[in-house]
Amino acid sequence: MALENKHIFILGTAKFDGPYESTSYTVAKYLAKNNKVYYIENPYTWKDYFREKGQESFNRRKDYFKSSSDGLLSTSIPNLKIVITPPLLSINFLPEGFIYRQILKINEAIIAERIKKINKQQGVKEFIYINSFNFHYPNIADLTKPALSVYQCVDPLIIDFDLKHGTTSEPIVVKKSDLVVCTSKQLFREKKEVNPSTYFVANAADISHSSKALDENLKVHPQVDAIPSPRIGYFGNVERRMDFPLIQEVAKANPDKNFVFVGPVSPEFIPDWFYKTPNIHLIGRQPYDLMPSIIKGFDIAMIPFKKDDVSATIFPLKLFEYLGAGKPVVATDFNPDLKEFTQDVVEYCADSASFTAAIKKELQANEAMQIERRLKIAEENTWDNRLKGFSELLATYLVKRTSQDLKNIYHVY
């Protein structure tokens, strides 16, 4: 039983018009097919307000910042509205403690008042509230009294900004939520210790976009095309998750191959040799719309993440985007749970030697035979399939069915 004809507020971490797809906004778009959804994008702080004033994104929102506004911005999806809140106080610089928590109440009250105003204006009597990994505001449900309070955990806490107060805030929202949904098994195991009503619904991909790489008439992105083949490519952020020692060894062992990294770079994590290695190419951030033309130019797609406690929680969207483009994928064995979802289609490697061997194997494989298998796996891991289960889980919890009914609705690990 999918969720239908309900009002849903989703507090996300991403801007609705950001350069990349996000899990929280993807969930909002899917649920809006059969429900009225209000996506509260990550609120501007006053620091953001003055830093971005005059920019196109700011101008798009400025009229909705006013407290007199309802904050509702229409989208191309009839049942989906964007909620812009008034700017919040910039408080992350404060140390964790009593003062921070007291001022945080002001920010949470501003968000809650926006929700209440919309509910009153729209005549909403009952609604579902989903905190989609915006744990910075853990008490919104207490202030707005939804029929169902949900926390969607999509990543571990990694960056300093999140860790500073997140180690206190996230356990609050996990414990208080009626339902917790995690996008990786490792996160599921961790959160279930805090809240027994925790479930695993894995990430997926919009392969309708990445599969455009299969179009014979699509030209390869010119910056990728300028690099000689064979090209072993990565599309995404180049940052702390990367296994740089392994990449260095693999690049050195394969001087006849070019390793292409397309995406924003976090320089604080990048070793000097990375910039100086002749067969490593950094192209930088590219619009998500161009992703198919970029991946089309890869002979092999790679995910060279280091293996640690953080990576064990990652269920990367790019894995299924690569497969949806028909590309062979070579990855490190950073998350052993992924094998269940990709069967034997993806090569998972424990070290640089096996990574090199996997590259050689894939370059010699019968490509035509393999593409069909990759597409089949990608089609099994689409957002439509995943979020159908998510929607059913919401519907089931909303009517307070028994825990045994829940296990029949969605496979629980």
Protein backbone atom coordinates (compact mmCIF):
# COMPACT_ATOMS: atom_id res chain seq x y z
CA MET A 1 0.00 0.00 0.00
CA ALA A 2 1.69 3.16 -1.21
CA LEU A 3 1.17 6.51 0.47
CA GLU A 4 -1.51 8.60 -1.27
CA ASN A 5 -3.30 11.94 -0.81
CA LYS A 6 -1.26 12.98 2.21
CA HIS A 7 0.47 16.23 3.08
CA ILE A 8 4.21 15.81 3.60
CA PHE A 9 6.83 18.29 4.77
CA ILE A 10 10.44 17.36 4.05
CA LEU A 11 13.32 19.28 5.63
CA GLY A 12 16.32 18.62 3.41
CA THR A 13 19.96 19.62 3.23
CA ALA A 14 20.03 20.47 -0.47
CA LYS A 15 18.80 23.46 -2.45
CA PHE A 16 16.07 22.55 -4.93
CA ASP A 17 18.04 24.25 -7.72
CA GLY A 18 21.47 22.95 -6.73
CA PRO A 19 23.91 21.67 -9.37
CA TYR A 20 23.59 18.00 -8.36
CA GLU A 21 20.80 15.58 -7.62
CA SER A 22 20.22 14.94 -3.92
CA THR A 23 18.54 12.10 -2.10
CA SER A 24 16.23 14.42 -0.14
CA TYR A 25 14.93 16.31 -3.18
CA THR A 26 14.61 13.09 -5.18
CA VAL A 27 12.42 11.69 -2.40
CA ALA A 28 10.31 14.86 -2.48
CA LYS A 29 9.75 14.59 -6.23
CA TYR A 30 8.78 10.94 -6.02
CA LEU A 31 6.34 11.36 -3.12
CA ALA A 32 4.75 14.32 -4.94
CA LYS A 33 3.42 11.92 -7.58
CA ASN A 34 0.62 10.90 -5.24
CA ASN A 35 0.81 13.40 -2.36
CA LYS A 36 1.11 17.11 -1.69
CA VAL A 37 4.75 17.69 -0.77
CA TYR A 38 6.36 20.77 0.75
CA TYR A 39 10.14 20.65 0.44
CA ILE A 40 11.84 22.88 3.01
CA GLU A 41 15.24 23.45 1.51
CA ASN A 42 18.19 23.94 3.84
CA PRO A 43 17.39 27.36 5.36
CA TYR A 44 19.54 30.38 4.65
CA THR A 45 21.32 31.85 7.64
CA TRP A 46 21.99 35.58 7.83
CA LYS A 47 25.58 34.76 6.91
CA ASP A 48 24.33 33.06 3.72
CA TYR A 49 21.96 35.98 3.12
CA PHE A 50 24.68 38.63 2.98
CA ARG A 51 27.23 36.39 1.26
CA GLU A 52 24.89 35.48 -1.61
CA LYS A 53 22.93 38.73 -1.86
CA GLY A 54 22.54 39.79 -5.49
CA GLN A 55 23.26 36.35 -6.93
CA GLU A 56 20.71 34.69 -9.19
CA SER A 57 19.84 32.03 -6.61
CA PHE A 58 19.33 34.72 -3.97
CA ASN A 59 17.11 36.83 -6.21
CA ARG A 60 14.95 33.78 -6.87
CA ARG A 61 14.24 33.51 -3.15
CA LYS A 62 14.39 37.05 -1.77
CA ASP A 63 10.65 37.77 -1.82
CA TYR A 64 9.99 34.56 0.12
CA PHE A 65 12.38 35.39 2.99
CA LYS A 66 9.88 37.88 4.41
CA SER A 67 7.99 36.78 7.52
CA SER A 68 4.80 38.05 5.84
CA SER A 69 5.27 35.54 3.00
CA ASP A 70 4.03 31.96 3.14
CA GLY A 71 7.40 30.99 1.62
CA LEU A 72 5.81 28.78 -1.03
CA LEU A 73 7.58 28.65 -4.37
CA SER A 74 5.95 26.61 -7.16
CA THR A 75 7.79 24.00 -9.22
CA SER A 76 7.10 22.26 -12.52
CA ILE A 77 5.62 19.39 -10.50
CA PRO A 78 2.02 20.30 -9.58
CA ASN A 79 2.04 18.67 -6.13
CA LEU A 80 5.50 19.89 -5.11
CA LYS A 81 6.13 23.25 -3.49
CA ILE A 82 9.44 24.63 -2.23
CA VAL A 83 9.34 26.21 1.22
CA ILE A 84 11.70 29.14 1.84
CA THR A 85 12.04 30.16 5.48
CA PRO A 86 13.11 33.56 6.82
CA PRO A 87 16.90 33.65 7.38
CA LEU A 88 18.10 31.95 10.55
CA LEU A 89 20.73 33.03 13.04
CA SER A 90 24.26 31.90 12.17
CA ILE A 91 25.22 29.87 15.23
CA ASN A 92 27.41 26.97 14.17
CA PHE A 93 30.52 28.86 15.34
CA LEU A 94 29.30 28.58 18.94
CA PRO A 95 30.63 25.75 21.09
CA GLU A 96 28.27 22.92 21.89
CA GLY A 97 26.42 23.59 25.11
CA PHE A 98 23.61 25.45 26.84
CA ILE A 99 23.96 28.75 24.93
CA TYR A 100 24.02 27.03 21.53
CA ARG A 101 20.98 24.92 22.38
CA GLN A 102 19.01 27.92 23.63
CA ILE A 103 19.68 29.97 20.49
CA LEU A 104 18.96 26.91 18.34
CA LYS A 105 15.41 27.03 19.73
CA ILE A 106 14.94 30.39 18.00
CA ASN A 107 15.96 28.94 14.63
CA GLU A 108 13.75 25.90 15.09
CA ALA A 109 10.84 28.13 16.03
CA ILE A 110 11.26 30.10 12.77
CA ILE A 111 11.10 26.88 10.71
CA ALA A 112 8.16 25.57 12.74
CA GLU A 113 6.20 28.82 12.35
CA ARG A 114 6.59 28.59 8.58
CA ILE A 115 5.18 25.07 8.62
CA LYS A 116 2.27 26.12 10.86
CA LYS A 117 1.50 29.09 8.62
CA ILE A 118 1.36 26.90 5.51
CA ASN A 119 -0.82 24.34 7.26
CA LYS A 120 -3.27 27.02 8.34
CA GLN A 121 -3.34 28.62 4.90
CA GLN A 122 -3.73 25.30 3.07
CA GLY A 123 -6.20 23.84 5.56
CA VAL A 124 -3.89 20.95 6.45
CA LYS A 125 -5.13 19.01 9.48
CA GLU A 126 -2.71 16.06 9.39
CA PHE A 127 0.74 15.80 7.87
CA ILE A 128 3.88 13.70 7.78
CA TYR A 129 7.19 15.34 8.65
CA ILE A 130 10.44 13.94 7.23
CA ASN A 131 13.80 15.21 8.38
CA SER A 132 16.01 14.16 5.48
CA PHE A 133 19.47 14.27 7.07
CA ASN A 134 19.07 17.86 8.31
CA PHE A 135 19.80 16.85 11.88
CA HIS A 136 20.94 20.41 12.65
CA TYR A 137 17.30 21.11 13.59
CA PRO A 138 16.29 18.04 15.64
CA ASN A 139 13.19 19.35 17.42
CA ILE A 140 10.91 20.54 14.61
CA ALA A 141 8.51 17.64 15.10
CA ASP A 142 8.04 18.57 18.76
CA LEU A 143 7.00 22.08 17.71
CA THR A 144 4.67 21.11 14.85
CA LYS A 145 3.07 17.84 16.03
CA PRO A 146 2.96 15.79 12.81
CA ALA A 147 0.96 12.59 12.55
CA LEU A 148 4.21 10.81 11.71
CA SER A 149 7.78 11.95 12.32
CA VAL A 150 10.49 10.38 10.15
CA TYR A 151 14.27 10.71 10.05
CA GLN A 152 16.06 9.73 6.85
CA CYS A 153 19.74 9.06 7.44
CA VAL A 154 21.69 9.15 4.18
CA ASP A 155 25.32 9.54 5.28
CA PRO A 156 27.65 9.24 8.25
CA LEU A 157 28.81 12.43 9.98
CA ILE A 158 32.14 13.31 8.39
CA ILE A 159 32.86 17.00 7.91
CA ASP A 160 33.79 19.21 10.84
CA PHE A 161 30.74 21.48 10.35
CA ASP A 162 28.41 18.51 10.85
CA LEU A 163 30.42 16.89 13.62
CA LYS A 164 30.59 20.01 15.79
CA HIS A 165 26.94 19.84 16.87
CA GLY A 166 25.73 16.82 14.91
CA THR A 167 27.10 14.31 17.38
CA THR A 168 24.61 15.76 19.87
CA SER A 169 21.77 16.68 17.49
CA GLU A 170 21.52 13.54 15.37
CA PRO A 171 20.93 11.15 18.29
CA ILE A 172 18.11 13.46 19.41
CA VAL A 173 16.25 13.25 16.10
CA VAL A 174 16.94 9.51 15.78
CA LYS A 175 15.54 8.79 19.23
CA LYS A 176 12.49 11.05 18.88
CA SER A 177 11.38 9.93 15.41
CA ASP A 178 8.51 7.48 14.94
CA LEU A 179 10.41 5.94 12.06
CA VAL A 180 14.06 6.01 10.95
CA VAL A 181 15.06 5.05 7.40
CA CYS A 182 18.74 4.52 6.50
CA THR A 183 20.33 4.28 3.07
CA SER A 184 23.03 1.77 4.02
CA LYS A 185 23.10 -1.37 6.12
CA GLN A 186 25.86 -0.05 8.34
CA LEU A 187 23.88 3.10 9.15
CA PHE A 188 20.84 0.89 9.73
CA ARG A 189 22.74 -1.22 12.25
CA GLU A 190 23.98 1.87 14.09
CA LYS A 191 20.65 3.70 14.29
CA LYS A 192 18.64 0.62 15.21
CA GLU A 193 20.55 0.46 18.48
CA VAL A 194 19.03 3.87 19.32
CA ASN A 195 15.58 3.46 17.74
CA PRO A 196 14.09 -0.01 17.14
CA SER A 197 11.78 1.42 14.45
CA THR A 198 14.69 1.67 12.01
CA TYR A 199 14.67 0.29 8.47
CA PHE A 200 16.99 0.02 5.50
CA VAL A 201 15.97 1.43 2.12
CA ALA A 202 19.04 1.66 -0.09
CA ASN A 203 20.02 4.55 -2.34
CA ALA A 204 19.39 4.23 -6.04
CA ALA A 205 19.86 6.23 -9.23
CA ASP A 206 17.98 8.02 -11.97
CA ILE A 207 19.19 5.84 -14.80
CA SER A 208 16.90 7.63 -17.23
CA HIS A 209 19.56 10.34 -17.16
CA SER A 210 22.76 8.30 -17.11
CA SER A 211 21.41 5.92 -19.78
CA LYS A 212 21.58 8.82 -22.25
CA ALA A 213 25.24 7.80 -22.52
CA LEU A 214 24.04 4.86 -24.64
CA ASP A 215 22.80 7.22 -27.36
CA GLU A 216 25.02 6.72 -30.40
CA ASN A 217 24.48 10.33 -31.42
CA LEU A 218 25.61 11.78 -28.08
CA LYS A 219 29.06 13.32 -28.34
CA VAL A 220 31.63 12.67 -25.63
CA HIS A 221 32.37 15.69 -23.46
CA PRO A 222 35.22 17.52 -25.25
CA GLN A 223 37.54 17.66 -22.22
CA VAL A 224 37.20 13.91 -21.77
CA ASP A 225 37.45 13.21 -25.48
CA ALA A 226 40.77 15.07 -25.62
CA ILE A 227 42.35 12.50 -23.28
CA PRO A 228 43.65 9.37 -25.04
CA SER A 229 41.98 6.01 -24.37
CA PRO A 230 41.81 3.80 -22.45
CA ARG A 231 40.18 6.15 -19.95
CA ILE A 232 39.38 4.97 -16.43
CA GLY A 233 36.95 7.59 -15.12
CA TYR A 234 35.39 8.85 -11.90
CA PHE A 235 32.46 11.30 -11.68
CA GLY A 236 31.98 12.93 -8.29
CA ASN A 237 33.70 14.76 -5.46
CA VAL A 238 37.44 14.21 -5.16
CA GLU A 239 37.94 14.32 -1.40
CA ARG A 240 38.73 12.38 1.76
CA ARG A 241 36.93 9.19 0.71
CA MET A 242 39.42 8.51 -2.06
CA ASP A 243 42.05 5.80 -1.53
CA PHE A 244 44.98 7.90 -2.70
CA PRO A 245 47.73 5.33 -1.98
CA LEU A 246 45.86 2.78 -4.10
CA ILE A 247 45.29 5.30 -6.88
CA GLN A 248 48.99 6.16 -6.89
CA GLU A 249 50.00 2.51 -7.20
CA VAL A 250 47.42 1.76 -9.89
CA ALA A 251 48.38 4.83 -11.96
CA LYS A 252 52.07 3.88 -11.70
CA ALA A 253 51.34 0.27 -12.71
CA ASN A 254 49.29 1.40 -15.74
CA PRO A 255 51.23 4.17 -17.49
CA ASP A 256 49.45 3.37 -20.77
CA LYS A 257 46.05 4.19 -19.26
CA ASN A 258 44.60 7.56 -18.25
CA PHE A 259 42.73 8.10 -15.00
CA VAL A 260 40.13 10.87 -15.31
CA PHE A 261 38.54 12.57 -12.29
CA VAL A 262 35.55 14.79 -13.03
CA GLY A 263 34.18 16.76 -10.11
CA PRO A 264 34.95 19.37 -7.45
CA VAL A 265 38.24 18.91 -5.60
CA SER A 266 38.78 19.35 -1.86
CA PRO A 267 42.43 20.50 -1.90
CA GLU A 268 43.00 19.86 1.81
CA PHE A 269 42.75 16.11 1.17
CA ILE A 270 44.70 15.90 -2.12
CA PRO A 271 48.40 14.86 -1.97
CA ASP A 272 50.86 16.82 -4.13
CA TRP A 273 51.79 13.83 -6.28
CA PHE A 274 48.16 13.58 -7.46
CA TYR A 275 48.51 16.84 -9.43
CA LYS A 276 51.90 15.85 -10.85
CA THR A 277 51.14 12.33 -12.10
CA PRO A 278 51.04 12.53 -15.93
CA ASN A 279 48.29 9.93 -16.46
CA ILE A 280 45.96 11.46 -13.85
CA HIS A 281 43.66 14.16 -15.22
CA LEU A 282 41.49 16.53 -13.17
CA ILE A 283 38.66 18.15 -15.11
CA GLY A 284 36.88 19.86 -12.21
CA ARG A 285 33.21 20.42 -11.45
CA GLN A 286 30.84 19.89 -14.38
CA PRO A 287 27.05 20.37 -14.56
CA TYR A 288 25.01 17.27 -13.74
CA ASP A 289 23.25 17.66 -17.09
CA LEU A 290 26.54 16.83 -18.82
CA MET A 291 27.09 13.63 -16.84
CA PRO A 292 25.98 11.26 -19.68
CA SER A 293 28.44 12.80 -22.14
CA ILE A 294 31.20 12.52 -19.54
CA ILE A 295 30.54 8.90 -18.59
CA LYS A 296 30.20 7.96 -22.25
CA GLY A 297 33.87 8.82 -22.63
CA PHE A 298 34.95 6.38 -19.90
CA ASP A 299 36.16 2.98 -21.04
CA ILE A 300 35.80 1.89 -17.42
CA ALA A 301 34.10 3.70 -14.53
CA MET A 302 35.75 3.47 -11.13
CA ILE A 303 34.95 4.05 -7.46
CA PRO A 304 38.33 4.06 -5.67
CA PHE A 305 37.14 4.73 -2.10
CA LYS A 306 39.32 3.83 0.87
CA LYS A 307 38.08 1.11 3.16
CA ASP A 308 37.22 2.43 6.63
CA ASP A 309 34.31 2.74 9.05
CA VAL A 310 32.95 5.76 7.18
CA SER A 311 33.10 4.20 3.72
CA ALA A 312 31.35 1.09 5.04
CA THR A 313 28.22 3.26 5.39
CA ILE A 314 28.31 4.62 1.82
CA PHE A 315 25.82 3.43 -0.80
CA PRO A 316 26.93 5.55 -3.77
CA LEU A 317 24.44 6.69 -6.39
CA LYS A 318 27.19 6.80 -8.98
CA LEU A 319 27.50 3.00 -8.87
CA PHE A 320 24.07 2.56 -10.49
CA GLU A 321 24.49 5.61 -12.70
CA TYR A 322 27.61 3.98 -14.14
CA LEU A 323 25.76 0.70 -14.69
CA GLY A 324 22.78 2.55 -16.16
CA ALA A 325 25.18 3.99 -18.73
CA GLY A 326 26.25 0.44 -19.58
CA LYS A 327 29.79 0.97 -18.30
CA PRO A 328 31.97 -1.63 -16.60
CA VAL A 329 32.69 -0.67 -13.00
CA VAL A 330 35.83 -1.36 -10.98
CA ALA A 331 35.62 -0.43 -7.30
CA THR A 332 37.44 -1.02 -4.06
CA ASP A 333 35.71 -3.29 -1.54
CA PHE A 334 34.86 -0.32 0.71
CA ASN A 335 31.32 -1.56 1.44
CA PRO A 336 30.84 -5.35 1.28
CA ASP A 337 27.03 -4.94 1.36
CA LEU A 338 27.08 -3.64 -2.22
CA LYS A 339 27.78 -7.08 -3.66
CA GLU A 340 24.26 -8.18 -2.80
CA PHE A 341 22.83 -5.47 -5.06
CA THR A 342 25.23 -5.86 -8.00
CA GLN A 343 25.70 -9.66 -8.03
CA ASP A 344 28.86 -10.40 -10.05
CA VAL A 345 28.55 -7.48 -12.46
CA VAL A 346 30.93 -5.16 -10.56
CA GLU A 347 34.55 -5.92 -9.74
CA TYR A 348 35.31 -5.18 -6.06
CA CYS A 349 39.03 -5.04 -5.30
CA ALA A 350 40.96 -5.39 -2.05
CA ASP A 351 44.25 -3.85 -3.22
CA SER A 352 46.02 -2.13 -6.10
CA ALA A 353 47.08 -5.41 -7.72
CA SER A 354 43.50 -6.72 -7.93
CA PHE A 355 42.35 -3.27 -9.10
CA THR A 356 44.83 -3.40 -11.97
CA ALA A 357 43.82 -6.97 -12.79
CA ALA A 358 40.14 -5.95 -12.85
CA ILE A 359 40.88 -3.08 -15.25
CA LYS A 360 42.70 -5.46 -17.58
CA LYS A 361 39.86 -7.99 -17.40
CA GLU A 362 37.17 -5.43 -18.19
CA LEU A 363 39.09 -3.95 -21.12
CA GLN A 364 39.32 -7.41 -22.65
CA ALA A 365 35.71 -8.44 -21.95
CA ASN A 366 33.00 -8.89 -24.58
CA GLU A 367 31.37 -5.51 -24.10
CA ALA A 368 28.16 -6.19 -26.02
CA MET A 369 27.30 -9.20 -23.83
CA GLN A 370 28.05 -7.37 -20.58
CA ILE A 371 26.06 -4.17 -21.25
CA GLU A 372 22.72 -5.97 -21.04
CA ARG A 373 23.62 -7.46 -17.65
CA ARG A 374 24.70 -4.07 -16.28
CA LEU A 375 21.49 -2.43 -17.44
CA LYS A 376 19.44 -5.18 -15.80
CA ILE A 377 21.15 -4.56 -12.45
CA ALA A 378 20.73 -0.80 -12.84
CA GLU A 379 17.01 -1.21 -13.56
CA GLU A 380 16.62 -3.17 -10.33
CA ASN A 381 18.14 -0.27 -8.40
CA THR A 382 16.11 2.70 -9.62
CA TRP A 383 14.53 5.35 -7.42
CA ASP A 384 11.08 4.15 -8.52
CA ASN A 385 11.75 0.72 -7.02
CA ARG A 386 13.42 2.03 -3.86
CA LEU A 387 10.96 4.80 -3.10
CA LYS A 388 7.96 2.56 -3.67
CA GLY A 389 9.19 0.66 -0.62
CA PHE A 390 9.84 3.91 1.23
CA SER A 391 6.31 5.11 0.47
CA GLU A 392 4.80 1.83 1.62
CA LEU A 393 6.78 2.04 4.84
CA LEU A 394 5.43 5.54 5.52
CA ALA A 395 1.86 4.42 4.81
CA THR A 396 2.21 1.40 7.06
CA TYR A 397 3.61 3.36 9.97
CA LEU A 398 1.00 6.02 9.53
CA VAL A 399 -1.80 3.55 10.20
CA LYS A 400 0.20 1.95 13.02
CA ARG A 401 0.31 -1.57 11.75
CA THR A 402 2.12 -4.28 13.67
CA SER A 403 5.86 -4.82 13.32
CA GLN A 404 5.16 -8.14 11.57
CA ASP A 405 3.13 -6.33 8.90
CA LEU A 406 6.11 -4.04 8.34
CA LYS A 407 8.40 -6.96 7.62
CA ASN A 408 5.98 -8.18 4.97
CA ILE A 409 5.88 -4.74 3.33
CA TYR A 410 9.63 -4.27 2.90
CA HIS A 411 12.58 -6.61 3.30
CA VAL A 412 14.15 -5.78 6.64
CA TYR A 413 17.70 -6.78 7.48
